[in-house]
């Protein structure tokens, strides 16, 4: 064998040995965390068809665990009617079952503008909640960040076909006595302009909520975004994990927001509002 071939063979052998050493180290790193996952439910419609995508949980080289692309999607139908003054209002809003969604066809939920008549009409669409998050530990302390986005699709382009006068509510609640850090919230209307989102208060180390109106003149809410930082100086879970819940409550009636919204360890809720339904997403796998 020539000297050149010997040098090439020795080089290839060294690369093989490096790969054999490096790969097991990477595999051990990726298995040293508990994956974060989600589940979802609606207490008002236990038979609702809920599509769940658990996303991907990865651990970075710095030890931070990331959850990306977790989401839930529900399919809704709303019925409308005119009052004696010619104003359109919602008479009913509900989440549909899997049989109903399949009978209608999922493709028919993307364009939800109804063909209005003088008497009655309806509209269909989707509500998707996306959740992302990350946490890292240092010694016996925890630092975490979570975000949630609500997206309405299929509601049309004119607020006259989604005339809900009430404010929708959204918020987080969690276990493990994690401390509340910096929070933020914002919204987008159908024309991509900014939609105001207001604080609805909270309970320290337990829950926080916001509210926002669905329509503004000829604009309707399209996206809402919420961010939450959590921390704990001394982990007490002995290796166990806790959960973070994000709850979105859709309303379709006028009500007094002040004093109606409750935030506690039991969850986010609205009192004295008949025309509402909640969608709750549970994210578990957070050290505490």
Protein backbone atom coordinates (compact mmCIF):
# COMPACT_ATOMS: atom_id res chain seq x y z
CA UNK A 1 0.00 0.00 0.00
CA UNK A 2 1.30 3.47 -0.92
CA UNK A 3 2.07 6.05 1.73
CA UNK A 4 -0.84 8.26 0.50
CA UNK A 5 -3.36 5.39 0.82
CA UNK A 6 -2.08 4.60 4.32
CA UNK A 7 -2.58 8.21 5.39
CA UNK A 8 -6.15 8.29 3.95
CA UNK A 9 -7.02 5.00 5.69
CA UNK A 10 -5.66 6.27 9.01
CA UNK A 11 -7.66 9.50 8.65
CA UNK A 12 -10.93 7.64 7.92
CA UNK A 13 -10.32 5.33 10.88
CA UNK A 14 -9.85 8.31 13.19
CA UNK A 15 -13.14 9.84 11.99
CA UNK A 16 -14.95 6.57 12.69
CA UNK A 17 -13.52 6.41 16.22
CA UNK A 18 -14.56 10.03 16.91
CA UNK A 19 -18.12 9.33 15.71
CA UNK A 20 -18.32 6.17 17.81
CA UNK A 21 -17.37 8.17 20.90
CA UNK A 22 -19.53 11.26 20.15
CA UNK A 23 -22.86 9.62 19.24
CA UNK A 24 -23.51 7.82 22.55
CA UNK A 25 -22.78 11.07 24.42
CA UNK A 26 -25.44 12.94 22.39
CA UNK A 27 -27.98 10.14 22.90
CA UNK A 28 -27.46 10.18 26.66
CA UNK A 29 -28.00 13.97 26.70
CA UNK A 30 -31.31 13.76 24.82
CA UNK A 31 -32.70 11.14 27.22
CA UNK A 32 -31.97 13.04 30.44
CA UNK A 33 -35.23 15.03 30.55
CA UNK A 34 -38.98 14.41 30.78
CA UNK A 35 -40.78 15.42 27.55
CA UNK A 36 -43.46 18.09 27.91
CA UNK A 37 -46.80 17.11 26.36
CA UNK A 38 -50.32 18.50 26.15
CA UNK A 39 -53.92 17.36 26.42
CA UNK A 40 -57.15 19.35 26.00
CA UNK A 41 -60.83 19.37 26.90
CA UNK A 42 -63.94 21.51 26.93
CA UNK A 43 -66.17 21.03 29.96
CA UNK A 44 -69.13 22.52 28.09
CA UNK A 45 -68.77 20.08 25.19
CA UNK A 46 -67.14 16.84 26.42
CA UNK A 47 -67.84 15.16 23.05
CA UNK A 48 -66.16 17.93 21.05
CA UNK A 49 -63.70 16.84 18.39
CA UNK A 50 -60.27 18.10 19.48
CA UNK A 51 -57.24 17.61 17.26
CA UNK A 52 -54.04 17.49 19.33
CA UNK A 53 -50.49 17.92 18.10
CA UNK A 54 -47.98 17.36 20.91
CA UNK A 55 -45.17 19.10 19.08
CA UNK A 56 -41.51 18.34 19.72
CA UNK A 57 -39.62 18.39 23.01
CA UNK A 58 -35.86 18.81 22.71
CA UNK A 59 -33.04 19.53 25.12
CA UNK A 60 -30.43 22.04 24.02
CA UNK A 61 -26.72 21.65 24.76
CA UNK A 62 -27.03 24.20 27.56
CA UNK A 63 -29.57 21.96 29.31
CA UNK A 64 -32.68 23.99 28.41
CA UNK A 65 -35.71 21.85 27.56
CA UNK A 66 -37.87 23.23 24.74
CA UNK A 67 -41.43 22.39 23.63
CA UNK A 68 -42.20 23.62 20.12
CA UNK A 69 -45.34 23.45 18.00
CA UNK A 70 -47.84 21.90 20.41
CA UNK A 71 -51.40 22.78 19.39
CA UNK A 72 -55.07 21.90 19.69
CA UNK A 73 -57.82 22.68 17.17
CA UNK A 74 -61.59 22.65 17.68
CA UNK A 75 -64.37 23.15 15.15
CA UNK A 76 -67.30 25.43 15.99
CA UNK A 77 -70.65 26.50 14.60
CA UNK A 78 -72.54 29.68 15.51
CA UNK A 79 -76.14 30.61 14.75
CA UNK A 80 -77.31 34.18 14.14
CA UNK A 81 -80.61 36.02 14.12
CA UNK A 82 -81.91 39.55 13.54
CA UNK A 83 -83.77 41.42 16.25
CA UNK A 84 -86.73 43.71 15.62
CA UNK A 85 -84.37 46.63 14.94
CA UNK A 86 -82.46 44.70 12.30
CA UNK A 87 -79.38 44.05 14.44
CA UNK A 88 -77.68 40.68 14.06
CA UNK A 89 -76.81 38.71 17.19
CA UNK A 90 -75.59 35.22 18.10
CA UNK A 91 -78.23 32.85 19.42
CA UNK A 92 -76.01 29.80 19.89
CA UNK A 93 -72.33 28.79 19.69
CA UNK A 94 -71.07 25.26 20.12
CA UNK A 95 -68.16 22.93 19.46
CA UNK A 96 -68.85 20.09 17.04
CA UNK A 97 -68.27 16.36 17.46
CA UNK A 98 -66.02 14.31 15.20
CA UNK A 99 -69.02 12.84 13.36
CA UNK A 100 -70.38 16.32 12.69
CA UNK A 101 -67.00 17.63 11.49
CA UNK A 102 -66.52 14.68 9.15
CA UNK A 103 -70.06 14.99 7.78
CA UNK A 104 -69.50 18.68 6.99
CA UNK A 105 -65.93 18.21 5.72
CA UNK A 106 -62.92 19.90 7.30
CA UNK A 107 -62.28 21.91 4.16
CA UNK A 108 -65.58 23.74 4.74
CA UNK A 109 -64.39 25.30 7.99
CA UNK A 110 -61.73 27.52 6.42
CA UNK A 111 -64.16 29.98 4.81
CA UNK A 112 -66.80 30.64 7.39
CA UNK A 113 -68.65 33.72 6.07
CA UNK A 114 -72.34 32.73 6.12
CA UNK A 115 -74.86 33.49 3.44
CA UNK A 116 -77.09 35.75 5.53
CA UNK A 117 -80.85 35.87 5.13
CA UNK A 118 -83.31 38.20 6.81
CA UNK A 119 -84.34 35.50 9.27
CA UNK A 120 -81.40 33.38 10.32
CA UNK A 121 -77.93 32.20 9.33
CA UNK A 122 -74.92 30.38 10.68
CA UNK A 123 -71.15 30.34 10.38
CA UNK A 124 -68.50 27.71 10.92
CA UNK A 125 -64.80 27.94 11.68
CA UNK A 126 -61.87 26.75 13.77
CA UNK A 127 -60.17 27.87 16.94
CA UNK A 128 -56.55 26.75 17.28
CA UNK A 129 -54.48 27.14 20.43
CA UNK A 130 -50.72 26.80 20.02
CA UNK A 131 -48.41 26.41 23.02
CA UNK A 132 -44.63 26.64 23.23
CA UNK A 133 -42.38 26.60 26.27
CA UNK A 134 -38.98 26.05 27.78
CA UNK A 135 -37.40 25.55 31.15
CA UNK A 136 -33.92 25.22 32.57
CA UNK A 137 -32.57 24.27 35.97
CA UNK A 138 -29.49 25.56 37.72
CA UNK A 139 -28.58 23.78 40.90
CA UNK A 140 -31.93 23.45 42.65
CA UNK A 141 -33.64 26.42 40.95
CA UNK A 142 -35.92 26.64 37.91
CA UNK A 143 -36.47 29.28 35.23
CA UNK A 144 -39.28 28.79 32.69
CA UNK A 145 -41.02 30.62 29.82
CA UNK A 146 -44.32 29.71 28.17
CA UNK A 147 -46.40 31.21 25.38
CA UNK A 148 -49.88 30.57 24.03
CA UNK A 149 -51.56 31.83 20.87
CA UNK A 150 -55.25 31.71 19.99
CA UNK A 151 -56.15 31.84 16.30
CA UNK A 152 -59.66 32.12 14.83
CA UNK A 153 -60.18 31.07 11.22
CA UNK A 154 -63.27 30.89 9.09
CA UNK A 155 -65.05 33.85 10.68
CA UNK A 156 -65.22 35.95 7.54
CA UNK A 157 -64.04 39.52 6.98
CA UNK A 158 -66.96 41.59 8.31
CA UNK A 159 -67.77 41.99 11.98
CA UNK A 160 -71.48 41.88 11.09
CA UNK A 161 -71.17 38.10 10.74
CA UNK A 162 -69.49 37.61 14.12
CA UNK A 163 -71.44 40.05 16.30
CA UNK A 164 -70.56 38.71 19.74
CA UNK A 165 -70.71 41.68 22.09
CA UNK A 166 -69.01 40.01 25.03
CA UNK A 167 -65.32 39.91 25.87
CA UNK A 168 -63.38 36.69 25.49
CA UNK A 169 -61.11 35.67 28.37
CA UNK A 170 -57.85 33.73 28.38
CA UNK A 171 -55.27 32.89 31.00
CA UNK A 172 -52.86 30.49 32.67
CA UNK A 173 -53.03 28.63 35.95
CA UNK A 174 -50.45 26.21 37.31
CA UNK A 175 -49.30 24.10 40.24
CA UNK A 176 -46.01 23.65 42.02
CA UNK A 177 -45.97 27.10 43.67
CA UNK A 178 -43.96 28.54 40.78
CA UNK A 179 -43.43 32.30 41.06
CA UNK A 180 -44.98 34.60 38.47
CA UNK A 181 -42.43 36.65 36.53
CA UNK A 182 -42.84 39.02 33.60
CA UNK A 183 -46.03 38.60 31.54
CA UNK A 184 -47.33 40.15 28.32
CA UNK A 185 -50.33 39.94 26.00
CA UNK A 186 -51.37 41.42 22.66
CA UNK A 187 -53.94 40.88 19.92
CA UNK A 188 -54.39 41.26 16.17
CA UNK A 189 -57.52 42.15 14.23
CA UNK A 190 -58.49 40.78 10.84
CA UNK A 191 -56.61 43.59 9.06
CA UNK A 192 -53.45 42.85 11.12
CA UNK A 193 -53.87 46.02 13.17
CA UNK A 194 -53.27 45.91 16.91
CA UNK A 195 -56.10 44.73 19.17
CA UNK A 196 -56.03 45.79 22.84
CA UNK A 197 -55.77 43.07 25.49
CA UNK A 198 -56.45 43.97 29.11
CA UNK A 199 -55.34 42.45 32.39
CA UNK A 200 -58.04 40.59 34.31
CA UNK A 201 -55.90 40.15 37.40
CA UNK A 202 -54.49 37.01 38.92
CA UNK A 203 -53.37 35.14 42.01
CA UNK A 204 -49.64 35.22 42.88
CA UNK A 205 -47.80 31.98 42.04
CA UNK A 206 -51.08 30.43 40.82
CA UNK A 207 -52.92 32.12 37.94
CA UNK A 208 -53.17 35.12 35.62
CA UNK A 209 -55.81 36.14 33.04
CA UNK A 210 -56.64 38.73 30.36
CA UNK A 211 -59.72 39.79 28.38
CA UNK A 212 -60.33 41.39 24.98
CA UNK A 213 -63.25 42.33 22.75
CA UNK A 214 -63.87 40.25 19.65
CA UNK A 215 -64.98 43.01 17.31
CA UNK A 216 -64.16 46.67 16.65
CA UNK A 217 -66.22 48.40 13.96
CA UNK A 218 -65.53 46.33 10.82
CA UNK A 219 -62.67 44.35 12.35
CA UNK A 220 -62.74 41.05 14.22
CA UNK A 221 -60.17 39.35 16.42
CA UNK A 222 -57.87 36.99 14.53
CA UNK A 223 -54.92 36.27 16.84
CA UNK A 224 -54.15 36.76 20.52
CA UNK A 225 -50.74 36.12 22.09
CA UNK A 226 -49.83 35.54 25.75
CA UNK A 227 -46.40 35.17 27.39
CA UNK A 228 -45.57 34.00 30.90
CA UNK A 229 -42.31 33.68 32.83
CA UNK A 230 -42.18 31.39 35.88
CA UNK A 231 -39.41 30.56 38.34
CA UNK A 232 -38.65 28.79 41.60
CA UNK A 233 -35.58 29.29 43.74
CA UNK A 234 -35.79 25.95 45.52
CA UNK A 235 -37.35 22.93 43.81
CA UNK A 236 -39.43 20.84 46.23
CA UNK A 237 -41.01 18.28 43.90
CA UNK A 238 -38.41 15.56 44.55
CA UNK A 239 -38.19 14.81 40.83
CA UNK A 240 -41.94 14.99 40.21
CA UNK A 241 -43.51 17.40 37.72
CA UNK A 242 -46.45 19.80 37.72
CA UNK A 243 -48.87 21.14 35.09
CA UNK A 244 -49.57 24.45 33.39
CA UNK A 245 -53.07 25.08 32.01
CA UNK A 246 -54.05 27.60 29.36
CA UNK A 247 -57.80 28.27 29.23
CA UNK A 248 -59.60 30.20 26.49
CA UNK A 249 -63.22 31.16 27.21
CA UNK A 250 -65.38 32.24 24.27
CA UNK A 251 -68.44 34.34 25.16
CA UNK A 252 -71.31 35.59 23.03
CA UNK A 253 -73.25 38.00 25.21
CA UNK A 254 -72.67 41.35 26.90
CA UNK A 255 -71.56 41.20 30.52
CA UNK A 256 -69.77 43.24 33.14
CA UNK A 257 -66.13 42.19 32.97
CA UNK A 258 -65.28 43.80 36.31
CA UNK A 259 -65.84 41.28 39.07
CA UNK A 260 -66.88 38.49 36.70
CA UNK A 261 -63.50 36.92 35.97
CA UNK A 262 -62.00 34.55 38.55
CA UNK A 263 -58.36 33.43 38.61
CA UNK A 264 -57.29 30.77 41.10
CA UNK A 265 -55.70 27.37 41.42
CA UNK A 266 -59.03 25.92 40.34
CA UNK A 267 -58.67 27.66 36.98
CA UNK A 268 -59.88 30.62 34.94
CA UNK A 269 -63.66 31.15 34.95
CA UNK A 270 -66.38 33.74 34.33
CA UNK A 271 -69.39 34.05 36.61
CA UNK A 272 -72.93 35.11 35.65
CA UNK A 273 -72.35 34.55 31.93
CA UNK A 274 -74.63 31.91 30.42
CA UNK A 275 -73.49 32.13 26.81
CA UNK A 276 -69.92 30.89 26.97
CA UNK A 277 -67.76 27.83 26.43
CA UNK A 278 -64.18 27.11 27.54
CA UNK A 279 -61.30 25.28 25.89
CA UNK A 280 -58.55 24.21 28.29
CA UNK A 281 -55.08 22.99 27.25
CA UNK A 282 -53.00 21.12 29.85
CA UNK A 283 -49.21 21.14 29.52
CA UNK A 284 -47.43 18.71 31.82
CA UNK A 285 -43.83 17.75 32.51
CA UNK A 286 -42.58 20.88 34.37
CA UNK A 287 -40.22 20.32 37.33
CA UNK A 288 -41.21 22.01 40.57
